[in-house]
């Protein structure tokens, strides 16, 4: 079994979306990203239990991270604007060069391949 975990697949500058939040101090970008994931994990059970919508989850995590690191508050509209740009940038992600060779090797050797993602199916599924 071969397992890959690539947590830094999205550049941190893309993640931060500096055009939305130029006030943020990017010197702690890795910690900011980890806290963004933390707030996502906090809100996710409420989403899966249908207590909040996916839009509310996205607004919550964005507002929490900006409040935590930016020392200012943002509107729901700005949080959603960040999310929209974030999703657009996610669509430009590509495999790191070595992965194609590894997957081809696994295929030739008939090694089962599985992909696990933490995102919505519609966002992560590509033909």
C-alpha atoms as a PDB file:
ATOM      1  CA  UNK A   1       0.000   0.000   0.000  1.00  0.00           C
ATOM      2  CA  UNK A   2       1.258   3.448  -0.868  1.00  0.00           C
ATOM      3  CA  UNK A   3      -0.151   6.481   0.905  1.00  0.00           C
ATOM      4  CA  UNK A   4       0.438  10.118  -0.014  1.00  0.00           C
ATOM      5  CA  UNK A   5      -0.579  13.116   2.016  1.00  0.00           C
ATOM      6  CA  UNK A   6       0.001  16.394   0.288  1.00  0.00           C
ATOM      7  CA  UNK A   7      -1.293  19.110   2.598  1.00  0.00           C
ATOM      8  CA  UNK A   8       0.476  21.973   0.844  1.00  0.00           C
ATOM      9  CA  UNK A   9      -1.000  21.335  -2.584  1.00  0.00           C
ATOM     10  CA  UNK A  10      -2.491  24.817  -2.678  1.00  0.00           C
ATOM     11  CA  UNK A  11       0.080  27.564  -2.417  1.00  0.00           C
ATOM     12  CA  UNK A  12      -0.371  29.497   0.761  1.00  0.00           C
ATOM     13  CA  UNK A  13      -0.613  32.755  -1.161  1.00  0.00           C
ATOM     14  CA  UNK A  14      -3.542  31.344  -3.112  1.00  0.00           C
ATOM     15  CA  UNK A  15      -5.070  30.133   0.130  1.00  0.00           C
ATOM     16  CA  UNK A  16      -4.778  33.521   1.746  1.00  0.00           C
ATOM     17  CA  UNK A  17      -6.151  35.226  -1.324  1.00  0.00           C
ATOM     18  CA  UNK A  18      -4.184  38.345  -0.589  1.00  0.00           C
ATOM     19  CA  UNK A  19      -6.338  40.507  -2.822  1.00  0.00           C
ATOM     20  CA  UNK A  20      -9.208  39.890  -0.382  1.00  0.00           C
ATOM     21  CA  UNK A  21      -7.176  40.232   2.811  1.00  0.00           C
ATOM     22  CA  UNK A  22      -4.018  42.283   2.244  1.00  0.00           C
ATOM     23  CA  UNK A  23      -3.986  43.224   5.945  1.00  0.00           C
ATOM     24  CA  UNK A  24      -3.048  39.706   7.046  1.00  0.00           C
ATOM     25  CA  UNK A  25       0.525  39.062   8.097  1.00  0.00           C
ATOM     26  CA  UNK A  26       1.743  36.287   5.818  1.00  0.00           C
ATOM     27  CA  UNK A  27       4.791  35.514   7.969  1.00  0.00           C
ATOM     28  CA  UNK A  28       2.634  32.952   9.791  1.00  0.00           C
ATOM     29  CA  UNK A  29       0.931  31.582   6.694  1.00  0.00           C
ATOM     30  CA  UNK A  30       1.450  27.908   7.562  1.00  0.00           C
ATOM     31  CA  UNK A  31      -0.150  28.412  10.977  1.00  0.00           C
ATOM     32  CA  UNK A  32      -2.980  30.412   9.391  1.00  0.00           C
ATOM     33  CA  UNK A  33      -3.679  27.534   7.006  1.00  0.00           C
ATOM     34  CA  UNK A  34      -3.655  24.999   9.861  1.00  0.00           C
ATOM     35  CA  UNK A  35      -6.102  27.147  11.831  1.00  0.00           C
ATOM     36  CA  UNK A  36      -8.305  27.470   8.735  1.00  0.00           C
ATOM     37  CA  UNK A  37      -8.451  23.663   8.619  1.00  0.00           C
ATOM     38  CA  UNK A  38      -9.135  23.635  12.378  1.00  0.00           C
ATOM     39  CA  UNK A  39     -12.152  25.923  12.019  1.00  0.00           C
ATOM     40  CA  UNK A  40     -13.382  23.819   9.104  1.00  0.00           C
ATOM     41  CA  UNK A  41     -13.179  20.723  11.305  1.00  0.00           C
ATOM     42  CA  UNK A  42     -15.051  22.495  14.111  1.00  0.00           C
ATOM     43  CA  UNK A  43     -17.946  23.451  11.821  1.00  0.00           C
ATOM     44  CA  UNK A  44     -18.088  20.259   9.758  1.00  0.00           C
ATOM     45  CA  UNK A  45     -20.171  18.168  12.226  1.00  0.00           C
ATOM     46  CA  UNK A  46     -22.846  20.884  12.218  1.00  0.00           C
ATOM     47  CA  UNK A  47     -22.886  20.715   8.426  1.00  0.00           C
ATOM     48  CA  UNK A  48     -23.140  16.916   8.316  1.00  0.00           C
ATOM     49  CA  UNK A  49     -25.948  17.041  10.895  1.00  0.00           C
ATOM     50  CA  UNK A  50     -27.743  19.613   8.710  1.00  0.00           C
ATOM     51  CA  UNK A  51     -27.575  22.281  11.405  1.00  0.00           C
ATOM     52  CA  UNK A  52     -25.826  24.672   9.012  1.00  0.00           C
ATOM     53  CA  UNK A  53     -25.466  24.906   5.240  1.00  0.00           C
ATOM     54  CA  UNK A  54     -22.184  24.542   3.362  1.00  0.00           C
ATOM     55  CA  UNK A  55     -22.352  28.290   2.746  1.00  0.00           C
ATOM     56  CA  UNK A  56     -22.669  28.953   6.488  1.00  0.00           C
ATOM     57  CA  UNK A  57     -19.721  26.637   7.169  1.00  0.00           C
ATOM     58  CA  UNK A  58     -17.586  28.537   4.671  1.00  0.00           C
ATOM     59  CA  UNK A  59     -18.575  31.916   6.085  1.00  0.00           C
ATOM     60  CA  UNK A  60     -17.880  30.720   9.633  1.00  0.00           C
ATOM     61  CA  UNK A  61     -14.380  29.376   8.964  1.00  0.00           C
ATOM     62  CA  UNK A  62     -13.359  32.436   6.971  1.00  0.00           C
ATOM     63  CA  UNK A  63     -14.635  34.875   9.593  1.00  0.00           C
ATOM     64  CA  UNK A  64     -12.976  32.915  12.393  1.00  0.00           C
ATOM     65  CA  UNK A  65      -9.560  32.867  10.759  1.00  0.00           C
ATOM     66  CA  UNK A  66      -9.689  36.542   9.795  1.00  0.00           C
ATOM     67  CA  UNK A  67     -10.755  37.465  13.315  1.00  0.00           C
ATOM     68  CA  UNK A  68      -8.048  35.265  14.820  1.00  0.00           C
ATOM     69  CA  UNK A  69      -5.180  36.580  12.682  1.00  0.00           C
ATOM     70  CA  UNK A  70      -6.377  39.782  11.093  1.00  0.00           C
ATOM     71  CA  UNK A  71      -7.792  41.569  14.108  1.00  0.00           C
ATOM     72  CA  UNK A  72     -10.717  42.861  12.083  1.00  0.00           C
ATOM     73  CA  UNK A  73     -14.129  41.545  11.150  1.00  0.00           C
ATOM     74  CA  UNK A  74     -15.458  40.883   7.670  1.00  0.00           C
ATOM     75  CA  UNK A  75     -18.891  40.684   6.104  1.00  0.00           C
ATOM     76  CA  UNK A  76     -20.536  37.474   4.956  1.00  0.00           C
ATOM     77  CA  UNK A  77     -20.215  38.764   1.380  1.00  0.00           C
ATOM     78  CA  UNK A  78     -16.441  39.177   1.689  1.00  0.00           C
ATOM     79  CA  UNK A  79     -16.138  35.703   3.239  1.00  0.00           C
ATOM     80  CA  UNK A  80     -18.062  34.257   0.283  1.00  0.00           C
ATOM     81  CA  UNK A  81     -15.958  36.268  -2.167  1.00  0.00           C
ATOM     82  CA  UNK A  82     -12.861  34.681  -0.637  1.00  0.00           C
ATOM     83  CA  UNK A  83     -14.473  31.233  -0.955  1.00  0.00           C
ATOM     84  CA  UNK A  84     -15.328  31.799  -4.611  1.00  0.00           C
ATOM     85  CA  UNK A  85     -11.757  32.816  -5.445  1.00  0.00           C
ATOM     86  CA  UNK A  86     -10.379  29.959  -3.343  1.00  0.00           C
ATOM     87  CA  UNK A  87     -12.495  27.430  -5.285  1.00  0.00           C
ATOM     88  CA  UNK A  88     -11.417  28.951  -8.596  1.00  0.00           C
ATOM     89  CA  UNK A  89      -7.764  28.572  -7.606  1.00  0.00           C
ATOM     90  CA  UNK A  90      -8.356  25.001  -6.413  1.00  0.00           C
ATOM     91  CA  UNK A  91      -9.508  24.085  -9.903  1.00  0.00           C
ATOM     92  CA  UNK A  92      -6.025  24.869 -11.217  1.00  0.00           C
ATOM     93  CA  UNK A  93      -4.293  22.309  -8.991  1.00  0.00           C
ATOM     94  CA  UNK A  94      -2.298  19.694 -10.840  1.00  0.00           C
ATOM     95  CA  UNK A  95      -0.409  16.591  -9.797  1.00  0.00           C
ATOM     96  CA  UNK A  96       3.185  17.024  -8.777  1.00  0.00           C
ATOM     97  CA  UNK A  97       5.347  15.529 -11.566  1.00  0.00           C
ATOM     98  CA  UNK A  98       6.473  12.388  -9.721  1.00  0.00           C
ATOM     99  CA  UNK A  99       2.925  11.312  -8.934  1.00  0.00           C
ATOM    100  CA  UNK A 100       2.025  10.497 -12.535  1.00  0.00           C
ATOM    101  CA  UNK A 101       4.963   8.081 -12.744  1.00  0.00           C
ATOM    102  CA  UNK A 102       4.038   6.504  -9.405  1.00  0.00           C
ATOM    103  CA  UNK A 103       0.405   6.007 -10.442  1.00  0.00           C
ATOM    104  CA  UNK A 104       1.453   4.472 -13.758  1.00  0.00           C
ATOM    105  CA  UNK A 105       3.776   2.096 -11.892  1.00  0.00           C
ATOM    106  CA  UNK A 106       0.966   1.082  -9.535  1.00  0.00           C
ATOM    107  CA  UNK A 107      -1.354   0.504 -12.472  1.00  0.00           C
ATOM    108  CA  UNK A 108       1.161  -1.716 -14.304  1.00  0.00           C
ATOM    109  CA  UNK A 109       1.836  -3.700 -11.105  1.00  0.00           C
ATOM    110  CA  UNK A 110      -1.927  -3.926 -10.439  1.00  0.00           C
ATOM    111  CA  UNK A 111      -1.529  -2.193  -7.086  1.00  0.00           C
ATOM    112  CA  UNK A 112      -4.938  -0.870  -5.957  1.00  0.00           C
ATOM    113  CA  UNK A 113      -5.193   2.904  -5.964  1.00  0.00           C
ATOM    114  CA  UNK A 114      -7.561   4.927  -3.805  1.00  0.00           C
ATOM    115  CA  UNK A 115      -8.072   8.638  -3.467  1.00  0.00           C
ATOM    116  CA  UNK A 116      -9.269  10.187  -0.241  1.00  0.00           C
ATOM    117  CA  UNK A 117     -10.293  13.820  -0.107  1.00  0.00           C
ATOM    118  CA  UNK A 118     -11.750  16.084   2.523  1.00  0.00           C
ATOM    119  CA  UNK A 119     -13.703  18.260   0.111  1.00  0.00           C
ATOM    120  CA  UNK A 120     -17.175  18.153  -1.394  1.00  0.00           C
ATOM    121  CA  UNK A 121     -17.627  15.502  -4.093  1.00  0.00           C
ATOM    122  CA  UNK A 122     -18.765  18.024  -6.721  1.00  0.00           C
ATOM    123  CA  UNK A 123     -15.657  20.115  -6.129  1.00  0.00           C
ATOM    124  CA  UNK A 124     -13.179  17.217  -6.154  1.00  0.00           C
ATOM    125  CA  UNK A 125     -14.535  14.965  -8.900  1.00  0.00           C
ATOM    126  CA  UNK A 126     -13.031  15.422 -12.339  1.00  0.00           C
ATOM    127  CA  UNK A 127     -13.427  13.081 -15.306  1.00  0.00           C
END
